[in-house]
Amino acid sequence: MTVTLVPLLGALVLALATGYLIARKSGTSEDDYQGPVGTLIAPCVLAIYLVSMAMGIVIGWENKNTAADNTVDEASAATALYWNTPAFPDENA
């Protein structure tokens, strides 16, 4: 579990650093934070960002679980085939 959290935390730190650099380079004044940027635009962009990040995490988690389930099913089928080979005729076993 720790191995899977490391890339996630790395991506989070990268996203935070990128957002910080963009905010510093844009040169938004103190008046803009009190005006439309601070009251409407920034919260909307943040909400869209958070929803997309949550969807990405959920979709990735579901794909990981699906792959694990498929692997277990295939291993179970291979094990069952191995143990059922004595039931086949000699030329097919």
N, C-alpha and C. Protein backbone atom coordinates (compact mmCIF):
# COMPACT_ATOMS: atom_id res chain seq x y z
N MET A 1 0.82 -1.19 0.00
CA MET A 1 0.00 0.00 0.00
C MET A 1 0.87 1.25 0.00
N THR A 2 1.99 1.21 0.70
CA THR A 2 2.88 2.36 0.73
C THR A 2 3.45 2.64 -0.65
N VAL A 3 3.73 1.59 -1.41
CA VAL A 3 4.30 1.77 -2.74
C VAL A 3 3.31 2.48 -3.65
N THR A 4 2.02 2.22 -3.51
CA THR A 4 1.04 2.87 -4.35
C THR A 4 0.76 4.30 -3.89
N LEU A 5 1.03 4.62 -2.63
CA LEU A 5 0.81 5.97 -2.14
C LEU A 5 1.91 6.93 -2.55
N VAL A 6 3.11 6.41 -2.77
CA VAL A 6 4.24 7.27 -3.13
C VAL A 6 3.99 8.01 -4.45
N PRO A 7 3.58 7.35 -5.54
CA PRO A 7 3.29 8.11 -6.76
C PRO A 7 2.12 9.07 -6.59
N LEU A 8 1.13 8.70 -5.80
CA LEU A 8 -0.01 9.59 -5.56
C LEU A 8 0.43 10.85 -4.83
N LEU A 9 1.24 10.69 -3.80
CA LEU A 9 1.74 11.85 -3.08
C LEU A 9 2.67 12.69 -3.95
N GLY A 10 3.45 12.04 -4.78
CA GLY A 10 4.31 12.77 -5.71
C GLY A 10 3.51 13.61 -6.69
N ALA A 11 2.43 13.03 -7.21
CA ALA A 11 1.57 13.78 -8.13
C ALA A 11 0.90 14.95 -7.41
N LEU A 12 0.51 14.74 -6.17
CA LEU A 12 -0.12 15.81 -5.39
C LEU A 12 0.86 16.95 -5.15
N VAL A 13 2.09 16.63 -4.78
CA VAL A 13 3.10 17.66 -4.55
C VAL A 13 3.40 18.41 -5.86
N LEU A 14 3.48 17.68 -6.96
CA LEU A 14 3.72 18.32 -8.26
C LEU A 14 2.57 19.25 -8.63
N ALA A 15 1.33 18.82 -8.40
CA ALA A 15 0.17 19.67 -8.70
C ALA A 15 0.17 20.92 -7.82
N LEU A 16 0.50 20.76 -6.54
CA LEU A 16 0.55 21.92 -5.66
C LEU A 16 1.65 22.90 -6.06
N ALA A 17 2.81 22.37 -6.40
CA ALA A 17 3.92 23.24 -6.82
C ALA A 17 3.58 23.97 -8.11
N THR A 18 2.96 23.27 -9.05
CA THR A 18 2.57 23.91 -10.31
C THR A 18 1.54 25.00 -10.07
N GLY A 19 0.56 24.73 -9.23
CA GLY A 19 -0.45 25.75 -8.91
C GLY A 19 0.16 26.95 -8.23
N TYR A 20 1.10 26.72 -7.34
CA TYR A 20 1.76 27.83 -6.65
C TYR A 20 2.55 28.68 -7.64
N LEU A 21 3.30 28.02 -8.54
CA LEU A 21 4.08 28.79 -9.52
C LEU A 21 3.19 29.57 -10.46
N ILE A 22 2.09 29.00 -10.88
CA ILE A 22 1.17 29.71 -11.77
C ILE A 22 0.57 30.91 -11.05
N ALA A 23 0.20 30.74 -9.78
CA ALA A 23 -0.37 31.85 -9.02
C ALA A 23 0.66 32.97 -8.83
N ARG A 24 1.92 32.61 -8.60
CA ARG A 24 2.96 33.63 -8.43
C ARG A 24 3.27 34.35 -9.74
N LYS A 25 3.27 33.62 -10.86
CA LYS A 25 3.59 34.22 -12.15
C LYS A 25 2.45 35.07 -12.70
N SER A 26 1.21 34.75 -12.31
CA SER A 26 0.08 35.50 -12.87
C SER A 26 0.02 36.92 -12.33
N GLY A 27 0.58 37.17 -11.18
CA GLY A 27 0.62 38.52 -10.64
C GLY A 27 -0.75 39.06 -10.27
N THR A 28 -1.59 38.23 -9.69
CA THR A 28 -2.92 38.66 -9.28
C THR A 28 -2.78 39.62 -8.10
N SER A 29 -3.45 40.76 -8.21
CA SER A 29 -3.33 41.77 -7.17
C SER A 29 -4.23 41.44 -5.98
N GLU A 30 -4.03 42.18 -4.91
CA GLU A 30 -4.80 41.99 -3.69
C GLU A 30 -6.28 42.32 -3.92
N ASP A 31 -6.56 43.27 -4.80
CA ASP A 31 -7.95 43.64 -5.10
C ASP A 31 -8.69 42.51 -5.81
N ASP A 32 -7.98 41.77 -6.64
CA ASP A 32 -8.62 40.67 -7.36
C ASP A 32 -9.04 39.55 -6.41
N TYR A 33 -8.28 39.35 -5.35
CA TYR A 33 -8.65 38.32 -4.39
C TYR A 33 -9.95 38.65 -3.67
N GLN A 34 -10.23 39.94 -3.49
CA GLN A 34 -11.48 40.37 -2.87
C GLN A 34 -12.61 40.44 -3.88
N GLY A 35 -12.29 40.48 -5.17
CA GLY A 35 -13.29 40.64 -6.21
C GLY A 35 -13.71 39.31 -6.81
N PRO A 36 -13.89 39.29 -8.14
CA PRO A 36 -14.44 38.09 -8.79
C PRO A 36 -13.52 36.88 -8.73
N VAL A 37 -12.22 37.08 -8.72
CA VAL A 37 -11.31 35.94 -8.68
C VAL A 37 -11.44 35.19 -7.36
N GLY A 38 -11.47 35.90 -6.27
CA GLY A 38 -11.52 35.27 -4.97
C GLY A 38 -12.88 34.75 -4.57
N THR A 39 -13.94 35.35 -5.11
CA THR A 39 -15.27 34.95 -4.67
C THR A 39 -15.97 33.98 -5.60
N LEU A 40 -15.63 33.97 -6.90
CA LEU A 40 -16.34 33.10 -7.83
C LEU A 40 -15.41 32.20 -8.65
N ILE A 41 -14.44 32.78 -9.29
CA ILE A 41 -13.63 32.03 -10.25
C ILE A 41 -12.76 30.98 -9.55
N ALA A 42 -12.01 31.36 -8.53
CA ALA A 42 -11.12 30.43 -7.86
C ALA A 42 -11.87 29.27 -7.22
N PRO A 43 -12.98 29.50 -6.50
CA PRO A 43 -13.70 28.35 -5.94
C PRO A 43 -14.27 27.41 -7.00
N CYS A 44 -14.72 27.96 -8.13
CA CYS A 44 -15.25 27.09 -9.21
C CYS A 44 -14.14 26.24 -9.81
N VAL A 45 -12.99 26.85 -10.07
CA VAL A 45 -11.87 26.10 -10.63
C VAL A 45 -11.40 25.04 -9.63
N LEU A 46 -11.36 25.39 -8.35
CA LEU A 46 -10.96 24.42 -7.33
C LEU A 46 -11.94 23.26 -7.26
N ALA A 47 -13.23 23.55 -7.34
CA ALA A 47 -14.24 22.48 -7.30
C ALA A 47 -14.09 21.54 -8.49
N ILE A 48 -13.88 22.09 -9.68
CA ILE A 48 -13.69 21.27 -10.88
C ILE A 48 -12.43 20.41 -10.73
N TYR A 49 -11.37 21.01 -10.21
CA TYR A 49 -10.12 20.28 -10.00
C TYR A 49 -10.31 19.14 -9.01
N LEU A 50 -10.99 19.40 -7.91
CA LEU A 50 -11.19 18.37 -6.89
C LEU A 50 -12.07 17.24 -7.41
N VAL A 51 -13.10 17.56 -8.17
CA VAL A 51 -13.96 16.52 -8.72
C VAL A 51 -13.19 15.65 -9.71
N SER A 52 -12.38 16.28 -10.56
CA SER A 52 -11.61 15.50 -11.54
C SER A 52 -10.55 14.64 -10.85
N MET A 53 -9.93 15.15 -9.79
CA MET A 53 -8.96 14.34 -9.05
C MET A 53 -9.64 13.16 -8.37
N ALA A 54 -10.81 13.39 -7.79
CA ALA A 54 -11.54 12.30 -7.13
C ALA A 54 -11.95 11.24 -8.14
N MET A 55 -12.40 11.66 -9.32
CA MET A 55 -12.78 10.70 -10.36
C MET A 55 -11.56 9.89 -10.80
N GLY A 56 -10.44 10.56 -10.96
CA GLY A 56 -9.22 9.85 -11.36
C GLY A 56 -8.80 8.81 -10.34
N ILE A 57 -8.90 9.16 -9.06
CA ILE A 57 -8.52 8.21 -8.02
C ILE A 57 -9.48 7.03 -7.98
N VAL A 58 -10.78 7.30 -8.08
CA VAL A 58 -11.77 6.22 -8.04
C VAL A 58 -11.64 5.31 -9.25
N ILE A 59 -11.48 5.88 -10.43
CA ILE A 59 -11.35 5.06 -11.65
C ILE A 59 -10.08 4.22 -11.59
N GLY A 60 -8.99 4.81 -11.13
CA GLY A 60 -7.74 4.05 -11.00
C GLY A 60 -7.87 2.93 -9.99
N TRP A 61 -8.53 3.20 -8.87
CA TRP A 61 -8.72 2.18 -7.84
C TRP A 61 -9.58 1.04 -8.35
N GLU A 62 -10.65 1.36 -9.08
CA GLU A 62 -11.53 0.33 -9.62
C GLU A 62 -10.79 -0.53 -10.65
N ASN A 63 -9.98 0.09 -11.50
CA ASN A 63 -9.21 -0.68 -12.49
C ASN A 63 -8.22 -1.60 -11.80
N LYS A 64 -7.59 -1.13 -10.71
CA LYS A 64 -6.65 -1.97 -9.97
C LYS A 64 -7.38 -3.16 -9.35
N ASN A 65 -8.53 -2.93 -8.78
CA ASN A 65 -9.29 -4.01 -8.17
C ASN A 65 -9.79 -4.99 -9.22
N THR A 66 -10.21 -4.51 -10.37
CA THR A 66 -10.68 -5.38 -11.45
C THR A 66 -9.54 -6.26 -11.94
N ALA A 67 -8.36 -5.69 -12.11
CA ALA A 67 -7.21 -6.48 -12.56
C ALA A 67 -6.84 -7.55 -11.54
N ALA A 68 -6.90 -7.19 -10.26
CA ALA A 68 -6.60 -8.18 -9.21
C ALA A 68 -7.64 -9.30 -9.21
N ASP A 69 -8.90 -8.96 -9.38
CA ASP A 69 -9.95 -9.98 -9.42
C ASP A 69 -9.78 -10.90 -10.62
N ASN A 70 -9.44 -10.33 -11.78
CA ASN A 70 -9.23 -11.14 -12.98
C ASN A 70 -8.04 -12.09 -12.81
N THR A 71 -6.99 -11.63 -12.16
CA THR A 71 -5.82 -12.47 -11.92
C THR A 71 -6.18 -13.64 -11.01
N VAL A 72 -6.93 -13.38 -9.96
CA VAL A 72 -7.34 -14.44 -9.04
C VAL A 72 -8.23 -15.45 -9.76
N ASP A 73 -9.16 -14.98 -10.59
CA ASP A 73 -10.04 -15.88 -11.33
C ASP A 73 -9.25 -16.76 -12.29
N GLU A 74 -8.28 -16.18 -12.97
CA GLU A 74 -7.49 -16.95 -13.93
C GLU A 74 -6.60 -17.97 -13.21
N ALA A 75 -6.04 -17.59 -12.07
CA ALA A 75 -5.22 -18.54 -11.31
C ALA A 75 -6.09 -19.67 -10.77
N SER A 76 -7.30 -19.37 -10.36
CA SER A 76 -8.21 -20.41 -9.87
C SER A 76 -8.59 -21.38 -10.99
N ALA A 77 -8.82 -20.84 -12.18
CA ALA A 77 -9.16 -21.69 -13.32
C ALA A 77 -7.98 -22.59 -13.70
N ALA A 78 -6.77 -22.05 -13.66
CA ALA A 78 -5.58 -22.86 -13.99
C ALA A 78 -5.37 -23.95 -12.94
N THR A 79 -5.59 -23.63 -11.69
CA THR A 79 -5.46 -24.63 -10.62
C THR A 79 -6.50 -25.73 -10.77
N ALA A 80 -7.72 -25.35 -11.06
CA ALA A 80 -8.79 -26.34 -11.25
C ALA A 80 -8.49 -27.24 -12.44
N LEU A 81 -7.97 -26.66 -13.52
CA LEU A 81 -7.62 -27.46 -14.69
C LEU A 81 -6.50 -28.45 -14.36
N TYR A 82 -5.51 -28.01 -13.59
CA TYR A 82 -4.42 -28.89 -13.20
C TYR A 82 -4.93 -30.07 -12.39
N TRP A 83 -5.79 -29.80 -11.41
CA TRP A 83 -6.25 -30.88 -10.54
C TRP A 83 -7.29 -31.77 -11.21
N ASN A 84 -7.90 -31.31 -12.29
CA ASN A 84 -8.91 -32.12 -12.99
C ASN A 84 -8.34 -32.91 -14.16
N THR A 85 -7.05 -32.79 -14.44
CA THR A 85 -6.47 -33.53 -15.57
C THR A 85 -6.55 -35.04 -15.41
N PRO A 86 -6.51 -35.63 -14.22
CA PRO A 86 -6.66 -37.10 -14.13
C PRO A 86 -8.03 -37.58 -14.61
N ALA A 87 -9.01 -36.74 -14.67
CA ALA A 87 -10.33 -37.15 -15.12
C ALA A 87 -10.40 -37.29 -16.63
N PHE A 88 -9.43 -36.69 -17.35
CA PHE A 88 -9.41 -36.78 -18.80
C PHE A 88 -8.78 -38.10 -19.25
N PRO A 89 -9.05 -38.53 -20.48
CA PRO A 89 -8.35 -39.71 -21.01
C PRO A 89 -6.84 -39.43 -21.10
N ASP A 90 -6.05 -40.51 -21.15
CA ASP A 90 -4.61 -40.37 -21.11
C ASP A 90 -4.04 -39.50 -22.23
N GLU A 91 -4.57 -39.62 -23.43
CA GLU A 91 -4.02 -38.82 -24.55
C GLU A 91 -4.36 -37.35 -24.41
N ASN A 92 -5.47 -36.99 -23.75
CA ASN A 92 -5.83 -35.59 -23.58
C ASN A 92 -5.25 -35.00 -22.30
N ALA A 93 -5.00 -35.83 -21.31
CA ALA A 93 -4.49 -35.32 -20.04
C ALA A 93 -3.07 -34.82 -20.22
